Amino acid sequence: MRGIIFISDQRLSYAADYLREAGISLTEICCAEDFTSDVSREADTFDFVLLAIRGSDDGTLPLGEEILQLDDFLHRLKADAVVISGVTTPYEQSLPCEYFCFQTDPSFVAGNSKITAEGILKILLDRTPKSLYAYTYDILGAGNVGTRLNILLNRLELPVRLIDARDLPDVMKFADWAESEPADVIINTVPVETITEVIVTQWKKPKIIVDISSREAGTADSVKTKKDITYIPTPPLPGLVAPETAGKLIQEMIIRKMTKS
């Protein structure tokens, strides 16, 4: 098996190490200079391509301070190759070969959710001026990350509510939450715009918003700069707190996918 991996952060460096340990022939691209014409010409020899976690919207890929042009390369992959990333885009789905997203692998999602929750705890510790016990907390989204974070904060005996649009046991309905005064700290895990201008104008007290949604999509842009809002976007949290563990999860996910293909 042969793969190519675009190293956008430390998680992928660890993933590359673990993939090599598993006996996979791997080409690592850490900067534009690594993506030579010789590598590009070999497009039809790769069994999988691991893009940066955020994937590609248009065939380009930011790598450090540079932008790689990958459209021609990706369209010359062999028909049974697999392109892999952590965020699905229409461009990736339009490629002539198979596309696979991390988030469709249940084992990866379960493991990644745990270390994402750890990362949120680190953000709270690093970026808030008071003790964690001086605040109340609302978690938007009862998915994998929100549920895991709710467990973690409850174990710390912090006052926390879990909110979701669905009717779930022990979970506050989002429609009710949107019409009430929220907690001091709102942690958004929903990947679409959830904290809107209309909702925020009803709030009477200053709030801290921690938004872990991909590309900061969960909070309206007009909300992020409001006077009484402390808006905290987050970097990729698994890579922040546990890059080696995250890299191992990626390696295991790739092995599962490629042995099934």
Protein backbone atom coordinates (compact mmCIF):
# COMPACT_ATOMS: atom_id res chain seq x y z
CA MET A 1 0.00 0.00 0.00
CA ARG A 2 1.25 3.47 -0.85
CA GLY A 3 -0.02 6.78 0.46
CA ILE A 4 0.74 10.48 0.44
CA ILE A 5 0.08 12.70 3.43
CA PHE A 6 0.05 16.50 3.60
CA ILE A 7 1.44 17.42 7.03
CA SER A 8 -0.52 20.43 8.25
CA ASP A 9 -0.01 19.88 11.98
CA GLN A 10 1.64 17.64 14.55
CA ARG A 11 -1.21 15.11 14.52
CA LEU A 12 -0.43 14.22 10.96
CA SER A 13 3.29 13.91 11.71
CA TYR A 14 2.47 11.30 14.34
CA ALA A 15 -0.01 9.64 11.97
CA ALA A 16 2.75 9.37 9.35
CA ASP A 17 5.11 7.76 11.88
CA TYR A 18 2.49 5.21 12.89
CA LEU A 19 1.59 4.45 9.26
CA ARG A 20 5.24 3.72 8.48
CA GLU A 21 5.43 1.45 11.53
CA ALA A 22 2.49 -0.44 10.02
CA GLY A 23 4.52 -1.04 6.87
CA ILE A 24 2.87 1.51 4.59
CA SER A 25 5.03 3.23 1.97
CA LEU A 26 4.45 6.93 2.57
CA THR A 27 5.32 10.23 0.93
CA GLU A 28 5.18 13.18 3.33
CA ILE A 29 4.52 16.71 2.08
CA CYS A 30 5.45 19.25 4.74
CA CYS A 31 5.91 22.31 2.50
CA ALA A 32 5.58 23.39 -1.12
CA GLU A 33 9.16 22.32 -1.87
CA ASP A 34 8.24 18.72 -0.99
CA PHE A 35 5.51 18.62 -3.62
CA THR A 36 7.87 18.25 -6.55
CA SER A 37 7.00 17.58 -10.17
CA ASP A 38 8.22 14.01 -9.67
CA VAL A 39 5.72 13.49 -6.85
CA SER A 40 2.93 15.04 -8.91
CA ARG A 41 3.69 12.78 -11.86
CA GLU A 42 3.26 9.74 -9.62
CA ALA A 43 -0.37 10.58 -8.79
CA ASP A 44 -1.66 7.31 -10.25
CA THR A 45 0.59 5.23 -7.96
CA PHE A 46 -0.98 6.30 -4.65
CA ASP A 47 -3.64 4.19 -2.96
CA PHE A 48 -4.71 7.00 -0.63
CA VAL A 49 -4.21 10.74 -0.17
CA LEU A 50 -4.52 12.20 3.33
CA LEU A 51 -5.20 15.92 2.97
CA ALA A 52 -4.89 18.46 5.75
CA ILE A 53 -7.65 17.96 8.34
CA ARG A 54 -9.85 20.73 6.93
CA GLY A 55 -9.64 19.33 3.42
CA SER A 56 -9.91 21.39 0.25
CA ASP A 57 -12.69 23.63 -1.07
CA ASP A 58 -11.33 24.09 -4.56
CA GLY A 59 -8.25 21.98 -5.19
CA THR A 60 -5.94 24.23 -3.23
CA LEU A 61 -4.46 23.34 0.15
CA PRO A 62 -2.92 25.76 2.66
CA LEU A 63 0.30 24.34 4.08
CA GLY A 64 2.07 26.66 6.47
CA GLU A 65 2.28 30.02 4.76
CA GLU A 66 1.96 28.52 1.29
CA ILE A 67 -0.92 27.41 -0.93
CA LEU A 68 -0.51 24.16 -2.84
CA GLN A 69 -2.30 23.68 -6.17
CA LEU A 70 -3.57 20.09 -6.09
CA ASP A 71 -6.47 20.03 -8.52
CA ASP A 72 -4.56 18.44 -11.41
CA PHE A 73 -2.87 15.95 -9.05
CA LEU A 74 -6.15 14.89 -7.45
CA HIS A 75 -7.84 14.41 -10.81
CA ARG A 76 -5.03 12.12 -11.97
CA LEU A 77 -5.35 9.69 -9.05
CA LYS A 78 -6.25 6.15 -10.03
CA ALA A 79 -9.93 5.25 -9.94
CA ASP A 80 -9.71 3.10 -6.80
CA ALA A 81 -7.64 5.61 -4.80
CA VAL A 82 -9.19 7.16 -1.68
CA VAL A 83 -8.95 10.86 -0.76
CA ILE A 84 -9.27 11.36 3.01
CA SER A 85 -9.86 14.46 5.15
CA GLY A 86 -11.67 15.54 8.29
CA VAL A 87 -14.16 17.96 6.70
CA THR A 88 -16.33 17.07 3.71
CA THR A 89 -16.52 19.67 0.93
CA PRO A 90 -18.45 19.62 -2.36
CA TYR A 91 -15.13 19.78 -4.21
CA GLU A 92 -13.83 16.62 -2.55
CA GLN A 93 -17.08 14.80 -3.24
CA SER A 94 -16.83 15.76 -6.92
CA LEU A 95 -13.46 14.05 -7.42
CA PRO A 96 -13.46 11.04 -9.78
CA CYS A 97 -12.10 8.72 -7.08
CA GLU A 98 -13.57 7.80 -3.68
CA TYR A 99 -13.70 10.39 -0.90
CA PHE A 100 -13.73 9.40 2.78
CA CYS A 101 -14.26 11.65 5.81
CA PHE A 102 -12.85 10.89 9.27
CA GLN A 103 -16.19 11.75 10.83
CA THR A 104 -17.90 8.71 9.26
CA ASP A 105 -15.66 6.30 11.18
CA PRO A 106 -17.38 5.55 14.54
CA SER A 107 -14.21 4.40 16.30
CA PHE A 108 -12.32 7.52 15.24
CA VAL A 109 -15.20 9.77 16.29
CA ALA A 110 -15.45 8.14 19.73
CA GLY A 111 -11.75 8.50 20.44
CA ASN A 112 -11.46 11.97 18.96
CA SER A 113 -14.44 13.21 20.99
CA LYS A 114 -12.69 12.33 24.23
CA ILE A 115 -9.56 14.32 23.47
CA THR A 116 -11.63 17.18 22.02
CA ALA A 117 -13.40 17.43 25.38
CA GLU A 118 -9.99 17.53 27.07
CA GLY A 119 -9.05 20.36 24.72
CA ILE A 120 -12.13 22.37 25.62
CA LEU A 121 -11.25 22.00 29.29
CA LYS A 122 -7.77 23.36 28.54
CA ILE A 123 -9.27 26.34 26.70
CA LEU A 124 -11.50 27.08 29.69
CA LEU A 125 -8.54 26.90 32.05
CA ASP A 126 -6.28 29.04 29.87
CA ARG A 127 -8.68 31.67 28.56
CA THR A 128 -11.09 32.49 31.39
CA PRO A 129 -10.01 34.88 34.19
CA LYS A 130 -11.89 33.22 37.04
CA SER A 131 -11.98 29.79 38.60
CA LEU A 132 -13.96 27.27 36.59
CA TYR A 133 -16.30 27.05 39.56
CA ALA A 134 -17.20 30.75 39.25
CA TYR A 135 -19.15 30.10 36.03
CA THR A 136 -22.19 28.22 34.80
CA TYR A 137 -22.01 26.34 31.49
CA ASP A 138 -24.26 25.56 28.53
CA ILE A 139 -23.16 23.05 25.90
CA LEU A 140 -24.89 23.41 22.54
CA GLY A 141 -25.18 20.09 20.76
CA ALA A 142 -25.68 16.64 22.27
CA GLY A 143 -23.54 14.89 19.68
CA ASN A 144 -20.37 12.96 20.40
CA VAL A 145 -18.30 15.92 21.59
CA GLY A 146 -21.09 17.63 23.49
CA THR A 147 -22.07 14.44 25.31
CA ARG A 148 -18.46 13.65 26.22
CA LEU A 149 -17.86 17.21 27.44
CA ASN A 150 -21.05 17.09 29.51
CA ILE A 151 -19.76 13.94 31.24
CA LEU A 152 -16.38 15.57 31.89
CA LEU A 153 -17.78 18.80 33.36
CA ASN A 154 -20.26 16.86 35.51
CA ARG A 155 -17.41 14.79 36.92
CA LEU A 156 -15.76 18.07 37.91
CA GLU A 157 -19.04 19.03 39.62
CA LEU A 158 -19.45 22.12 37.47
CA PRO A 159 -22.97 23.51 36.84
CA VAL A 160 -23.64 22.48 33.26
CA ARG A 161 -26.62 22.03 30.93
CA LEU A 162 -26.69 20.11 27.66
CA ILE A 163 -28.83 21.65 24.91
CA ASP A 164 -30.02 20.12 21.64
CA ALA A 165 -32.68 20.72 19.00
CA ARG A 166 -33.85 17.15 19.43
CA ASP A 167 -36.13 15.88 22.17
CA LEU A 168 -33.68 13.87 24.30
CA PRO A 169 -33.75 12.68 27.93
CA ASP A 170 -32.05 15.07 30.40
CA VAL A 171 -31.32 17.54 27.60
CA MET A 172 -32.76 21.06 27.35
CA LYS A 173 -34.55 21.83 24.08
CA PHE A 174 -32.74 24.41 21.98
CA ALA A 175 -35.99 26.30 21.31
CA ASP A 176 -36.45 26.83 25.07
CA TRP A 177 -32.79 27.77 25.53
CA ALA A 178 -32.96 30.35 22.74
CA GLU A 179 -35.72 32.23 24.55
CA SER A 180 -34.08 32.28 27.98
CA GLU A 181 -31.00 33.75 29.66
CA PRO A 182 -28.14 31.33 29.05
CA ALA A 183 -25.26 30.30 31.27
CA ASP A 184 -22.13 32.41 31.74
CA VAL A 185 -20.15 30.24 29.33
CA ILE A 186 -21.68 28.86 26.13
CA ILE A 187 -19.74 26.09 24.42
CA ASN A 188 -20.93 25.52 20.87
CA THR A 189 -20.27 22.13 19.25
CA VAL A 190 -22.86 22.49 16.47
CA PRO A 191 -21.23 22.78 13.00
CA VAL A 192 -23.75 25.28 11.59
CA GLU A 193 -24.71 28.80 12.69
CA THR A 194 -26.50 28.38 16.00
CA ILE A 195 -25.72 31.49 18.07
CA THR A 196 -27.46 34.20 16.06
CA GLU A 197 -27.88 37.95 16.40
CA VAL A 198 -31.58 37.50 17.24
CA ILE A 199 -30.79 35.15 20.13
CA VAL A 200 -27.96 37.26 21.55
CA THR A 201 -29.92 40.53 21.61
CA GLN A 202 -32.12 39.00 24.34
CA TRP A 203 -29.22 38.36 26.73
CA LYS A 204 -28.95 40.65 29.72
CA LYS A 205 -25.46 39.79 31.00
CA PRO A 206 -21.98 39.45 29.42
CA LYS A 207 -21.19 35.97 28.08
CA ILE A 208 -18.20 33.90 27.06
CA ILE A 209 -18.66 31.89 23.87
CA VAL A 210 -16.28 29.02 23.12
CA ASP A 211 -16.90 27.90 19.55
CA ILE A 212 -15.34 24.60 18.47
CA SER A 213 -17.33 24.36 15.22
CA SER A 214 -15.30 23.87 12.06
CA ARG A 215 -14.32 27.19 10.48
CA GLU A 216 -16.10 29.04 13.32
CA ALA A 217 -19.43 28.44 11.62
CA GLY A 218 -21.47 28.12 14.81
CA THR A 219 -21.55 31.81 15.74
CA ALA A 220 -22.84 34.67 13.60
CA ASP A 221 -20.04 37.06 12.60
CA SER A 222 -21.93 40.03 14.05
CA VAL A 223 -22.03 38.32 17.45
CA LYS A 224 -18.28 37.69 17.66
CA THR A 225 -17.38 41.38 18.07
CA LYS A 226 -20.17 42.49 20.39
CA LYS A 227 -19.08 44.48 23.44
CA ASP A 228 -20.51 42.09 26.04
CA ILE A 229 -19.35 38.94 24.27
CA THR A 230 -15.97 37.32 24.81
CA TYR A 231 -15.66 35.14 21.73
CA ILE A 232 -13.10 32.34 21.83
CA PRO A 233 -12.56 30.38 18.62
CA THR A 234 -10.53 27.23 19.09
CA PRO A 235 -7.61 25.68 17.23
CA PRO A 236 -7.82 21.96 16.37
CA LEU A 237 -8.17 20.72 19.95
CA PRO A 238 -6.98 17.10 19.63
CA GLY A 239 -3.75 18.41 18.14
CA LEU A 240 -3.45 20.95 20.94
CA VAL A 241 -3.69 18.58 23.89
CA ALA A 242 -2.88 15.10 22.58
CA PRO A 243 -1.28 15.16 19.11
CA GLU A 244 0.26 11.71 19.41
CA THR A 245 -3.01 10.12 20.52
CA ALA A 246 -4.81 11.96 17.72
CA GLY A 247 -2.23 10.76 15.21
CA LYS A 248 -2.69 7.17 16.33
CA LEU A 249 -6.46 7.50 15.88
CA ILE A 250 -5.91 8.76 12.33
CA GLN A 251 -3.54 5.89 11.54
CA GLU A 252 -5.99 3.31 12.85
CA MET A 253 -8.81 4.92 10.86
CA ILE A 254 -6.79 4.78 7.64
CA ILE A 255 -5.85 1.14 8.21
CA ARG A 256 -9.52 0.21 8.79
CA LYS A 257 -10.64 2.10 5.69
CA MET A 258 -7.96 0.83 3.36
CA THR A 259 -8.24 -2.80 4.41
CA LYS A 260 -11.98 -2.65 3.66
CA SER A 261 -11.58 -0.92 0.27
